[in-house]
Amino acid sequence: MATVTGTIVWTEPVDDEVSASITQTWTDQAIKCYVTKADCANCSIPKGGYSFICQMNKVVPVLLKTLGKPEQKRLDKLMPYLSQY
């Protein structure tokens, strides 16, 4: 489904389609999902009442395949915040 806003067309992912924009780099959220082994029960996204469905369980395998594991320095930086999950 596409939504037109001014001159920008936003395309929503359909079923198993993953947005290419979230498979380009390791975001903090993607690293959190990687560290917790996609344990959705311990994630803030499903509990947040967002208007989108989390796709991290599909994004993390793509990131691992294309970029490899997240850099250790990023993991080290985020671990104090991730230890609560």
N, C-alpha and C. Protein backbone atom coordinates (compact mmCIF):
# COMPACT_ATOMS: atom_id res chain seq x y z
N MET A 1 0.84 -1.17 0.00
CA MET A 1 0.00 0.00 0.00
C MET A 1 0.89 1.23 0.00
N ALA A 2 0.57 2.21 -0.82
CA ALA A 2 1.34 3.44 -0.88
C ALA A 2 0.48 4.59 -0.37
N THR A 3 1.10 5.48 0.36
CA THR A 3 0.43 6.66 0.86
C THR A 3 1.14 7.88 0.29
N VAL A 4 0.40 8.79 -0.29
CA VAL A 4 1.00 9.98 -0.88
C VAL A 4 0.91 11.12 0.12
N THR A 5 2.06 11.74 0.39
CA THR A 5 2.13 12.89 1.29
C THR A 5 2.91 13.97 0.53
N GLY A 6 2.23 14.96 0.00
CA GLY A 6 2.91 15.97 -0.80
C GLY A 6 3.47 15.31 -2.04
N THR A 7 4.77 15.36 -2.21
CA THR A 7 5.40 14.73 -3.36
C THR A 7 6.12 13.44 -2.98
N ILE A 8 6.02 13.04 -1.72
CA ILE A 8 6.69 11.84 -1.24
C ILE A 8 5.70 10.69 -1.21
N VAL A 9 6.09 9.54 -1.71
CA VAL A 9 5.24 8.36 -1.66
C VAL A 9 5.84 7.39 -0.67
N TRP A 10 5.09 7.05 0.36
CA TRP A 10 5.53 6.10 1.38
C TRP A 10 4.93 4.75 1.04
N THR A 11 5.76 3.73 1.02
CA THR A 11 5.27 2.39 0.74
C THR A 11 5.39 1.55 1.99
N GLU A 12 4.30 0.98 2.42
CA GLU A 12 4.30 0.13 3.61
C GLU A 12 4.69 -1.28 3.22
N PRO A 13 5.50 -1.96 4.03
CA PRO A 13 5.86 -3.35 3.73
C PRO A 13 4.62 -4.24 3.70
N VAL A 14 4.64 -5.21 2.84
CA VAL A 14 3.53 -6.15 2.72
C VAL A 14 3.99 -7.50 3.22
N ASP A 15 3.27 -8.06 4.20
CA ASP A 15 3.54 -9.38 4.76
C ASP A 15 5.02 -9.57 5.09
N ASP A 16 5.74 -10.42 4.34
CA ASP A 16 7.12 -10.75 4.66
C ASP A 16 8.13 -9.74 4.10
N GLU A 17 7.66 -8.73 3.39
CA GLU A 17 8.56 -7.74 2.82
C GLU A 17 9.13 -6.88 3.94
N VAL A 18 10.44 -6.66 3.90
CA VAL A 18 11.09 -5.84 4.91
C VAL A 18 11.57 -4.57 4.26
N SER A 19 11.33 -3.46 4.90
CA SER A 19 11.75 -2.16 4.38
C SER A 19 13.27 -2.12 4.23
N ALA A 20 13.75 -1.76 3.06
CA ALA A 20 15.19 -1.70 2.80
C ALA A 20 15.89 -0.68 3.69
N SER A 21 15.18 0.35 4.10
CA SER A 21 15.81 1.40 4.90
C SER A 21 16.26 0.91 6.27
N ILE A 22 15.66 -0.15 6.79
CA ILE A 22 16.05 -0.63 8.12
C ILE A 22 17.00 -1.82 8.04
N THR A 23 17.48 -2.13 6.84
CA THR A 23 18.44 -3.23 6.70
C THR A 23 19.79 -2.74 6.21
N GLN A 24 20.05 -1.45 6.39
CA GLN A 24 21.30 -0.86 5.91
C GLN A 24 22.38 -0.73 6.98
N THR A 25 21.96 -0.66 8.24
CA THR A 25 22.93 -0.44 9.31
C THR A 25 22.39 -1.02 10.62
N TRP A 26 23.31 -1.30 11.53
CA TRP A 26 22.93 -1.78 12.85
C TRP A 26 22.45 -0.60 13.69
N THR A 27 21.15 -0.50 13.90
CA THR A 27 20.61 0.52 14.79
C THR A 27 20.66 0.00 16.22
N ASP A 28 20.46 0.88 17.16
CA ASP A 28 20.42 0.46 18.57
C ASP A 28 19.33 -0.59 18.77
N GLN A 29 18.17 -0.39 18.14
CA GLN A 29 17.06 -1.33 18.31
C GLN A 29 17.41 -2.69 17.70
N ALA A 30 18.08 -2.69 16.55
CA ALA A 30 18.48 -3.95 15.92
C ALA A 30 19.49 -4.68 16.79
N ILE A 31 20.41 -3.94 17.39
CA ILE A 31 21.41 -4.55 18.27
C ILE A 31 20.72 -5.12 19.50
N LYS A 32 19.75 -4.41 20.03
CA LYS A 32 18.99 -4.90 21.19
C LYS A 32 18.31 -6.22 20.83
N CYS A 33 17.72 -6.28 19.66
CA CYS A 33 17.05 -7.50 19.22
C CYS A 33 18.07 -8.63 19.05
N TYR A 34 19.22 -8.31 18.51
CA TYR A 34 20.29 -9.30 18.32
C TYR A 34 20.76 -9.85 19.68
N VAL A 35 20.98 -8.96 20.63
CA VAL A 35 21.49 -9.36 21.94
C VAL A 35 20.47 -10.21 22.69
N THR A 36 19.20 -9.85 22.60
CA THR A 36 18.16 -10.58 23.32
C THR A 36 17.65 -11.80 22.54
N LYS A 37 18.28 -12.06 21.39
CA LYS A 37 17.90 -13.19 20.54
C LYS A 37 16.42 -13.11 20.15
N ALA A 38 16.00 -11.88 19.81
CA ALA A 38 14.64 -11.60 19.34
C ALA A 38 13.57 -12.04 20.33
N ASP A 39 13.84 -11.86 21.60
CA ASP A 39 12.86 -12.18 22.64
C ASP A 39 11.86 -11.03 22.75
N CYS A 40 10.79 -11.11 21.99
CA CYS A 40 9.80 -10.04 21.92
C CYS A 40 9.13 -9.76 23.27
N ALA A 41 9.10 -10.75 24.14
CA ALA A 41 8.50 -10.57 25.45
C ALA A 41 9.27 -9.55 26.29
N ASN A 42 10.55 -9.36 25.97
CA ASN A 42 11.38 -8.42 26.71
C ASN A 42 11.74 -7.19 25.89
N CYS A 43 10.88 -6.84 24.95
CA CYS A 43 11.14 -5.70 24.07
C CYS A 43 10.10 -4.62 24.28
N SER A 44 10.51 -3.37 24.15
CA SER A 44 9.60 -2.25 24.35
C SER A 44 8.69 -2.01 23.15
N ILE A 45 9.04 -2.48 21.98
CA ILE A 45 8.23 -2.19 20.80
C ILE A 45 6.83 -2.81 20.90
N PRO A 46 6.70 -4.12 21.16
CA PRO A 46 5.34 -4.66 21.26
C PRO A 46 4.52 -4.04 22.40
N LYS A 47 5.19 -3.59 23.44
CA LYS A 47 4.50 -3.01 24.59
C LYS A 47 4.20 -1.53 24.40
N GLY A 48 4.78 -0.92 23.36
CA GLY A 48 4.69 0.52 23.19
C GLY A 48 3.44 1.05 22.53
N GLY A 49 2.61 0.17 22.01
CA GLY A 49 1.39 0.63 21.37
C GLY A 49 1.65 1.38 20.07
N TYR A 50 2.73 1.04 19.38
CA TYR A 50 3.06 1.70 18.13
C TYR A 50 2.09 1.29 17.02
N SER A 51 2.01 2.09 15.98
CA SER A 51 1.10 1.82 14.88
C SER A 51 1.73 0.91 13.82
N PHE A 52 2.88 0.36 14.11
CA PHE A 52 3.55 -0.52 13.16
C PHE A 52 3.87 -1.85 13.83
N ILE A 53 4.11 -2.85 13.02
CA ILE A 53 4.50 -4.16 13.51
C ILE A 53 6.01 -4.24 13.45
N CYS A 54 6.62 -4.66 14.53
CA CYS A 54 8.08 -4.78 14.58
C CYS A 54 8.55 -5.79 13.55
N GLN A 55 9.60 -5.43 12.83
CA GLN A 55 10.17 -6.31 11.82
C GLN A 55 11.59 -6.76 12.18
N MET A 56 12.02 -6.48 13.41
CA MET A 56 13.40 -6.78 13.78
C MET A 56 13.73 -8.26 13.65
N ASN A 57 12.75 -9.15 13.88
CA ASN A 57 13.03 -10.58 13.75
C ASN A 57 13.37 -10.94 12.30
N LYS A 58 12.99 -10.09 11.36
CA LYS A 58 13.35 -10.29 9.95
C LYS A 58 14.58 -9.47 9.57
N VAL A 59 14.76 -8.34 10.23
CA VAL A 59 15.86 -7.43 9.91
C VAL A 59 17.19 -7.98 10.39
N VAL A 60 17.24 -8.51 11.61
CA VAL A 60 18.51 -8.99 12.18
C VAL A 60 19.18 -10.05 11.31
N PRO A 61 18.47 -11.05 10.79
CA PRO A 61 19.13 -12.01 9.91
C PRO A 61 19.69 -11.36 8.64
N VAL A 62 19.00 -10.37 8.11
CA VAL A 62 19.50 -9.66 6.92
C VAL A 62 20.78 -8.91 7.26
N LEU A 63 20.78 -8.23 8.41
CA LEU A 63 21.97 -7.50 8.83
C LEU A 63 23.15 -8.44 9.06
N LEU A 64 22.89 -9.57 9.70
CA LEU A 64 23.96 -10.54 9.93
C LEU A 64 24.54 -11.04 8.61
N LYS A 65 23.67 -11.28 7.64
CA LYS A 65 24.12 -11.79 6.35
C LYS A 65 24.90 -10.73 5.56
N THR A 66 24.43 -9.49 5.58
CA THR A 66 25.06 -8.45 4.76
C THR A 66 26.19 -7.71 5.46
N LEU A 67 26.07 -7.50 6.76
CA LEU A 67 27.06 -6.70 7.48
C LEU A 67 27.87 -7.49 8.50
N GLY A 68 27.42 -8.67 8.83
CA GLY A 68 28.07 -9.42 9.90
C GLY A 68 27.55 -8.96 11.26
N LYS A 69 28.17 -9.44 12.31
CA LYS A 69 27.75 -9.08 13.67
C LYS A 69 28.00 -7.60 13.93
N PRO A 70 27.25 -7.01 14.86
CA PRO A 70 27.50 -5.61 15.22
C PRO A 70 28.91 -5.46 15.79
N GLU A 71 29.48 -4.28 15.62
CA GLU A 71 30.82 -4.02 16.15
C GLU A 71 30.83 -4.17 17.66
N GLN A 72 31.89 -4.75 18.18
CA GLN A 72 32.00 -4.97 19.63
C GLN A 72 31.92 -3.67 20.40
N LYS A 73 32.50 -2.59 19.87
CA LYS A 73 32.45 -1.31 20.59
C LYS A 73 31.02 -0.79 20.72
N ARG A 74 30.16 -1.07 19.72
CA ARG A 74 28.74 -0.69 19.82
C ARG A 74 28.05 -1.55 20.87
N LEU A 75 28.36 -2.85 20.88
CA LEU A 75 27.79 -3.74 21.89
C LEU A 75 28.20 -3.30 23.29
N ASP A 76 29.49 -3.01 23.46
CA ASP A 76 29.99 -2.57 24.76
C ASP A 76 29.32 -1.29 25.22
N LYS A 77 29.09 -0.36 24.29
CA LYS A 77 28.47 0.91 24.62
C LYS A 77 27.01 0.72 25.04
N LEU A 78 26.32 -0.21 24.39
CA LEU A 78 24.89 -0.40 24.66
C LEU A 78 24.60 -1.38 25.80
N MET A 79 25.55 -2.22 26.15
CA MET A 79 25.30 -3.27 27.14
C MET A 79 24.75 -2.75 28.47
N PRO A 80 25.24 -1.65 29.01
CA PRO A 80 24.65 -1.18 30.28
C PRO A 80 23.15 -0.91 30.15
N TYR A 81 22.72 -0.46 28.98
CA TYR A 81 21.31 -0.17 28.77
C TYR A 81 20.53 -1.43 28.42
N LEU A 82 21.20 -2.39 27.81
CA LEU A 82 20.53 -3.62 27.39
C LEU A 82 20.42 -4.63 28.52
N SER A 83 21.23 -4.49 29.55
CA SER A 83 21.22 -5.47 30.62
C SER A 83 19.88 -5.52 31.36
N GLN A 84 19.09 -4.48 31.22
CA GLN A 84 17.77 -4.45 31.88
C GLN A 84 16.75 -5.28 31.13
N TYR A 85 17.09 -5.79 29.95
CA TYR A 85 16.13 -6.56 29.14
C TYR A 85 16.39 -8.03 29.20
